Amino acid sequence: DWEYLPTVIKKHYALRPYSDDMETVEGKMDVSCSWYIKIFAPFLWLMGNVPAKNEKGVPVTVDFRSNRQTKDFYFRRVFQFNGSRPYHFRSRMRQVKDNEVLEIMGWGFCWRMHYLWQDGRVILRHKGYALKIGGAIIPLPITYLLGRGDAYEVPVDDNTFDMSATITHPLFGKVYEYKGRFKFK
């Protein structure tokens, strides 16, 4: 659906594989997590995964990068929580086939998703979790434990987009969310 995408979404995903392309966005995010996610906080921190904090209006800078050695799409997110050192959350996305994508985080933990353009937004629809060990992708049947991850990005104007990512547990409901507005520098 590339030809139908708004300018800001094209700008977000226009980085060429096997290159040194880079774009940066800045924004503010509201981050909220339940007691359930706080149980996993030490592991999330060790893995450099999503921050297990509760705070509104957190300044966040995100670098989108390519790499000359791979076709992966890299993210470096830096959260500036009040009274804390910067929190870094790094990951990379890899197309598996068609619109199936893996977000690969620390220690090879992966979120599997379908990437779609639908109803004027980019939708990242949960497909499960996996573990990347070497070249192997091993499905992990743990959605019942961690919850379902979903996200979306909505264009605001040619340089700005809103985004939201949530984790919804089958028993406890929404246990994690971060959302905010970002503008290209």
C-alpha atoms as a PDB file:
ATOM      1  CA  ASP A   1       0.000   0.000   0.000  1.00  0.00           C
ATOM      2  CA  TRP A   2       3.040   2.313  -0.233  1.00  0.00           C
ATOM      3  CA  GLU A   3       1.458   4.544  -2.882  1.00  0.00           C
ATOM      4  CA  TYR A   4      -1.514   5.251  -0.573  1.00  0.00           C
ATOM      5  CA  LEU A   5       0.502   6.235   2.500  1.00  0.00           C
ATOM      6  CA  PRO A   6       0.587   9.833   3.773  1.00  0.00           C
ATOM      7  CA  THR A   7       3.877  11.757   3.627  1.00  0.00           C
ATOM      8  CA  VAL A   8       4.741  11.358   7.324  1.00  0.00           C
ATOM      9  CA  ILE A   9       4.314   7.576   7.212  1.00  0.00           C
ATOM     10  CA  LYS A  10       6.442   7.334   4.069  1.00  0.00           C
ATOM     11  CA  LYS A  11       9.075   9.471   5.781  1.00  0.00           C
ATOM     12  CA  HIS A  12       8.982   7.121   8.782  1.00  0.00           C
ATOM     13  CA  TYR A  13       9.553   3.992   6.689  1.00  0.00           C
ATOM     14  CA  ALA A  14      11.576   5.327   3.744  1.00  0.00           C
ATOM     15  CA  LEU A  15      14.951   4.185   5.053  1.00  0.00           C
ATOM     16  CA  ARG A  16      16.704   1.995   2.523  1.00  0.00           C
ATOM     17  CA  PRO A  17      17.976  -1.445   3.551  1.00  0.00           C
ATOM     18  CA  TYR A  18      21.735  -2.004   3.455  1.00  0.00           C
ATOM     19  CA  SER A  19      22.430   1.727   3.882  1.00  0.00           C
ATOM     20  CA  ASP A  20      23.371   4.301   6.532  1.00  0.00           C
ATOM     21  CA  ASP A  21      19.998   6.078   6.325  1.00  0.00           C
ATOM     22  CA  MET A  22      18.691   7.630   9.526  1.00  0.00           C
ATOM     23  CA  GLU A  23      15.739   9.760  10.643  1.00  0.00           C
ATOM     24  CA  THR A  24      14.984  11.152  14.093  1.00  0.00           C
ATOM     25  CA  VAL A  25      11.700  12.038  15.730  1.00  0.00           C
ATOM     26  CA  GLU A  26      11.052  13.728  19.065  1.00  0.00           C
ATOM     27  CA  GLY A  27       7.941  13.729  21.158  1.00  0.00           C
ATOM     28  CA  LYS A  28       6.305  13.179  24.503  1.00  0.00           C
ATOM     29  CA  MET A  29       4.790   9.951  25.699  1.00  0.00           C
ATOM     30  CA  ASP A  30       2.484   8.783  28.438  1.00  0.00           C
ATOM     31  CA  VAL A  31       3.737   5.478  29.844  1.00  0.00           C
ATOM     32  CA  SER A  32       1.611   3.317  32.121  1.00  0.00           C
ATOM     33  CA  CYS A  33       1.999  -0.192  33.421  1.00  0.00           C
ATOM     34  CA  SER A  34       0.061  -2.251  35.901  1.00  0.00           C
ATOM     35  CA  TRP A  35       1.327  -4.186  38.887  1.00  0.00           C
ATOM     36  CA  TYR A  36       1.482  -7.226  36.613  1.00  0.00           C
ATOM     37  CA  ILE A  37       4.098  -5.727  34.297  1.00  0.00           C
ATOM     38  CA  LYS A  38       6.073  -4.387  37.261  1.00  0.00           C
ATOM     39  CA  ILE A  39       6.673  -8.046  38.217  1.00  0.00           C
ATOM     40  CA  PHE A  40       8.700  -8.335  35.001  1.00  0.00           C
ATOM     41  CA  ALA A  41      10.441  -4.936  35.433  1.00  0.00           C
ATOM     42  CA  PRO A  42      13.928  -6.322  36.279  1.00  0.00           C
ATOM     43  CA  PHE A  43      13.847  -8.577  33.206  1.00  0.00           C
ATOM     44  CA  LEU A  44      12.553  -5.772  30.987  1.00  0.00           C
ATOM     45  CA  TRP A  45      15.378  -3.523  32.206  1.00  0.00           C
ATOM     46  CA  LEU A  46      18.060  -6.208  31.717  1.00  0.00           C
ATOM     47  CA  MET A  47      16.774  -6.905  28.207  1.00  0.00           C
ATOM     48  CA  GLY A  48      16.562  -3.184  27.379  1.00  0.00           C
ATOM     49  CA  ASN A  49      12.880  -3.672  26.623  1.00  0.00           C
ATOM     50  CA  VAL A  50       9.889  -1.351  27.230  1.00  0.00           C
ATOM     51  CA  PRO A  51      10.221   0.749  30.397  1.00  0.00           C
ATOM     52  CA  ALA A  52       8.132  -0.484  33.344  1.00  0.00           C
ATOM     53  CA  LYS A  53       7.276   2.957  34.701  1.00  0.00           C
ATOM     54  CA  ASN A  54       4.262   5.218  35.096  1.00  0.00           C
ATOM     55  CA  GLU A  55       4.705   8.804  33.952  1.00  0.00           C
ATOM     56  CA  LYS A  56       2.967  11.284  31.678  1.00  0.00           C
ATOM     57  CA  GLY A  57       4.607  13.690  29.248  1.00  0.00           C
ATOM     58  CA  VAL A  58       7.943  11.836  29.068  1.00  0.00           C
ATOM     59  CA  PRO A  59      10.298  13.411  26.504  1.00  0.00           C
ATOM     60  CA  VAL A  60      11.356  10.702  24.040  1.00  0.00           C
ATOM     61  CA  THR A  61      13.749  10.762  21.090  1.00  0.00           C
ATOM     62  CA  VAL A  62      13.607   7.934  18.552  1.00  0.00           C
ATOM     63  CA  ASP A  63      16.251   7.286  15.918  1.00  0.00           C
ATOM     64  CA  PHE A  64      15.192   5.121  12.969  1.00  0.00           C
ATOM     65  CA  ARG A  65      18.224   3.622  11.255  1.00  0.00           C
ATOM     66  CA  SER A  66      19.289   1.288   8.521  1.00  0.00           C
ATOM     67  CA  ASN A  67      22.499  -0.724   8.584  1.00  0.00           C
ATOM     68  CA  ARG A  68      24.865  -1.466   5.703  1.00  0.00           C
ATOM     69  CA  GLN A  69      25.042  -5.137   6.776  1.00  0.00           C
ATOM     70  CA  THR A  70      21.306  -5.937   6.883  1.00  0.00           C
ATOM     71  CA  LYS A  71      17.834  -5.067   5.650  1.00  0.00           C
ATOM     72  CA  ASP A  72      16.561  -4.704   9.251  1.00  0.00           C
ATOM     73  CA  PHE A  73      14.926  -1.453  10.409  1.00  0.00           C
ATOM     74  CA  TYR A  74      16.511  -0.289  13.693  1.00  0.00           C
ATOM     75  CA  PHE A  75      14.905   1.715  16.511  1.00  0.00           C
ATOM     76  CA  ARG A  76      16.748   3.497  19.310  1.00  0.00           C
ATOM     77  CA  ARG A  77      14.287   5.028  21.781  1.00  0.00           C
ATOM     78  CA  VAL A  78      15.572   7.243  24.589  1.00  0.00           C
ATOM     79  CA  PHE A  79      13.120   8.063  27.389  1.00  0.00           C
ATOM     80  CA  GLN A  80      13.901  10.973  29.738  1.00  0.00           C
ATOM     81  CA  PHE A  81      11.934  10.050  32.870  1.00  0.00           C
ATOM     82  CA  ASN A  82      11.871  12.600  35.713  1.00  0.00           C
ATOM     83  CA  GLY A  83      14.773  12.127  38.128  1.00  0.00           C
ATOM     84  CA  SER A  84      16.222   9.174  36.218  1.00  0.00           C
ATOM     85  CA  ARG A  85      19.048   8.521  33.835  1.00  0.00           C
ATOM     86  CA  PRO A  86      17.944   8.172  30.203  1.00  0.00           C
ATOM     87  CA  TYR A  87      16.251   4.841  29.555  1.00  0.00           C
ATOM     88  CA  HIS A  88      17.233   3.177  26.271  1.00  0.00           C
ATOM     89  CA  PHE A  89      14.963   0.745  24.436  1.00  0.00           C
ATOM     90  CA  ARG A  90      16.526  -0.652  21.286  1.00  0.00           C
ATOM     91  CA  SER A  91      15.018  -3.075  18.821  1.00  0.00           C
ATOM     92  CA  ARG A  92      14.980  -3.893  15.165  1.00  0.00           C
ATOM     93  CA  MET A  93      12.288  -5.004  12.789  1.00  0.00           C
ATOM     94  CA  ARG A  94      12.721  -7.676  10.178  1.00  0.00           C
ATOM     95  CA  GLN A  95      10.266  -8.645   7.486  1.00  0.00           C
ATOM     96  CA  VAL A  96       9.629 -12.383   7.580  1.00  0.00           C
ATOM     97  CA  LYS A  97       7.321 -12.564   4.546  1.00  0.00           C
ATOM     98  CA  ASP A  98       4.669 -10.340   3.024  1.00  0.00           C
ATOM     99  CA  ASN A  99       3.327  -8.220   5.913  1.00  0.00           C
ATOM    100  CA  GLU A 100       4.597 -10.474   8.719  1.00  0.00           C
ATOM    101  CA  VAL A 101       7.287  -8.721  10.744  1.00  0.00           C
ATOM    102  CA  LEU A 102       9.412  -9.564  13.787  1.00  0.00           C
ATOM    103  CA  GLU A 103      10.475  -6.929  16.283  1.00  0.00           C
ATOM    104  CA  ILE A 104      13.688  -8.322  17.729  1.00  0.00           C
ATOM    105  CA  MET A 105      14.609  -7.013  21.180  1.00  0.00           C
ATOM    106  CA  GLY A 106      17.313  -7.835  23.727  1.00  0.00           C
ATOM    107  CA  TRP A 107      18.366 -11.454  24.196  1.00  0.00           C
ATOM    108  CA  GLY A 108      16.602 -12.383  20.947  1.00  0.00           C
ATOM    109  CA  PHE A 109      13.102 -11.972  22.352  1.00  0.00           C
ATOM    110  CA  CYS A 110      10.704 -11.217  19.471  1.00  0.00           C
ATOM    111  CA  TRP A 111       7.228  -9.843  19.004  1.00  0.00           C
ATOM    112  CA  ARG A 112       5.602 -11.304  15.902  1.00  0.00           C
ATOM    113  CA  MET A 113       3.064  -9.112  14.106  1.00  0.00           C
ATOM    114  CA  HIS A 114       1.187  -8.322  10.956  1.00  0.00           C
ATOM    115  CA  TYR A 115       1.956  -4.836   9.623  1.00  0.00           C
ATOM    116  CA  LEU A 116      -1.056  -3.263   7.894  1.00  0.00           C
ATOM    117  CA  TRP A 117      -2.254   0.044   6.454  1.00  0.00           C
ATOM    118  CA  GLN A 118      -5.946   0.156   7.303  1.00  0.00           C
ATOM    119  CA  ASP A 119      -8.520   2.855   8.108  1.00  0.00           C
ATOM    120  CA  GLY A 120      -5.945   5.665   7.735  1.00  0.00           C
ATOM    121  CA  ARG A 121      -3.409   4.180  10.133  1.00  0.00           C
ATOM    122  CA  VAL A 122      -0.518   1.760  10.375  1.00  0.00           C
ATOM    123  CA  ILE A 123      -1.635  -1.210  12.455  1.00  0.00           C
ATOM    124  CA  LEU A 124       0.745  -3.664  14.101  1.00  0.00           C
ATOM    125  CA  ARG A 125      -1.451  -6.669  14.942  1.00  0.00           C
ATOM    126  CA  HIS A 126      -0.211  -9.284  17.409  1.00  0.00           C
ATOM    127  CA  LYS A 127       0.764 -12.660  15.991  1.00  0.00           C
ATOM    128  CA  GLY A 128       2.628 -14.066  18.993  1.00  0.00           C
ATOM    129  CA  TYR A 129       6.096 -14.115  20.507  1.00  0.00           C
ATOM    130  CA  ALA A 130       9.267 -15.893  19.501  1.00  0.00           C
ATOM    131  CA  LEU A 131      12.908 -16.317  20.387  1.00  0.00           C
ATOM    132  CA  LYS A 132      15.667 -15.723  17.836  1.00  0.00           C
ATOM    133  CA  ILE A 133      18.633 -18.001  18.411  1.00  0.00           C
ATOM    134  CA  GLY A 134      21.229 -17.699  15.681  1.00  0.00           C
ATOM    135  CA  GLY A 135      19.264 -17.975  12.446  1.00  0.00           C
ATOM    136  CA  ALA A 136      16.350 -19.860  14.018  1.00  0.00           C
ATOM    137  CA  ILE A 137      13.059 -18.243  15.051  1.00  0.00           C
ATOM    138  CA  ILE A 138      11.383 -20.367  17.724  1.00  0.00           C
ATOM    139  CA  PRO A 139       7.705 -19.566  18.429  1.00  0.00           C
ATOM    140  CA  LEU A 140       6.964 -19.052  22.135  1.00  0.00           C
ATOM    141  CA  PRO A 141       3.392 -19.911  23.216  1.00  0.00           C
ATOM    142  CA  ILE A 142       3.358 -17.270  25.981  1.00  0.00           C
ATOM    143  CA  THR A 143       0.680 -14.800  24.896  1.00  0.00           C
ATOM    144  CA  TYR A 144      -1.485 -16.180  27.719  1.00  0.00           C
ATOM    145  CA  LEU A 145       1.294 -15.222  30.173  1.00  0.00           C
ATOM    146  CA  LEU A 146       2.497 -11.867  28.831  1.00  0.00           C
ATOM    147  CA  GLY A 147      -0.570 -10.654  26.992  1.00  0.00           C
ATOM    148  CA  ARG A 148      -1.258  -9.544  23.458  1.00  0.00           C
ATOM    149  CA  GLY A 149       0.816  -6.700  21.997  1.00  0.00           C
ATOM    150  CA  ASP A 150      -0.793  -4.356  19.492  1.00  0.00           C
ATOM    151  CA  ALA A 151       0.162  -0.928  18.198  1.00  0.00           C
ATOM    152  CA  TYR A 152      -0.826   1.737  15.716  1.00  0.00           C
ATOM    153  CA  GLU A 153       0.504   4.922  14.129  1.00  0.00           C
ATOM    154  CA  VAL A 154      -1.788   7.697  12.879  1.00  0.00           C
ATOM    155  CA  PRO A 155      -0.636  10.552  10.627  1.00  0.00           C
ATOM    156  CA  VAL A 156      -1.349  14.051  11.984  1.00  0.00           C
ATOM    157  CA  ASP A 157       0.349  16.152   9.291  1.00  0.00           C
ATOM    158  CA  ASP A 158       3.321  15.823   6.917  1.00  0.00           C
ATOM    159  CA  ASN A 159       5.845  15.798   9.808  1.00  0.00           C
ATOM    160  CA  THR A 160       3.868  14.508  12.802  1.00  0.00           C
ATOM    161  CA  PHE A 161       2.279  11.209  13.819  1.00  0.00           C
ATOM    162  CA  ASP A 162       0.603   9.782  16.910  1.00  0.00           C
ATOM    163  CA  MET A 163       1.406   6.274  18.102  1.00  0.00           C
ATOM    164  CA  SER A 164       0.230   3.855  20.745  1.00  0.00           C
ATOM    165  CA  ALA A 165       1.431   0.414  21.828  1.00  0.00           C
ATOM    166  CA  THR A 166      -0.493  -1.717  24.314  1.00  0.00           C
ATOM    167  CA  ILE A 167      -0.233  -5.089  25.966  1.00  0.00           C
ATOM    168  CA  THR A 168      -3.554  -6.628  26.909  1.00  0.00           C
ATOM    169  CA  HIS A 169      -3.593  -9.667  29.190  1.00  0.00           C
ATOM    170  CA  PRO A 170      -6.427 -12.213  28.793  1.00  0.00           C
ATOM    171  CA  LEU A 171      -7.277 -12.007  32.524  1.00  0.00           C
ATOM    172  CA  PHE A 172      -6.018  -8.614  33.704  1.00  0.00           C
ATOM    173  CA  GLY A 173      -6.968  -6.450  30.713  1.00  0.00           C
ATOM    174  CA  LYS A 174      -4.660  -3.646  29.554  1.00  0.00           C
ATOM    175  CA  VAL A 175      -1.453  -4.098  31.548  1.00  0.00           C
ATOM    176  CA  TYR A 176       0.834  -1.768  29.556  1.00  0.00           C
ATOM    177  CA  GLU A 177       0.564   1.213  27.287  1.00  0.00           C
ATOM    178  CA  TYR A 178       2.807   3.859  25.892  1.00  0.00           C
ATOM    179  CA  LYS A 179       1.462   6.489  23.573  1.00  0.00           C
ATOM    180  CA  GLY A 180       2.449   9.871  22.292  1.00  0.00           C
ATOM    181  CA  ARG A 181       2.969  12.315  19.462  1.00  0.00           C
ATOM    182  CA  PHE A 182       6.188  12.527  17.442  1.00  0.00           C
ATOM    183  CA  LYS A 183       7.551  15.083  15.035  1.00  0.00           C
ATOM    184  CA  PHE A 184      10.431  14.699  12.591  1.00  0.00           C
ATOM    185  CA  LYS A 185      13.403  16.922  13.396  1.00  0.00           C
END
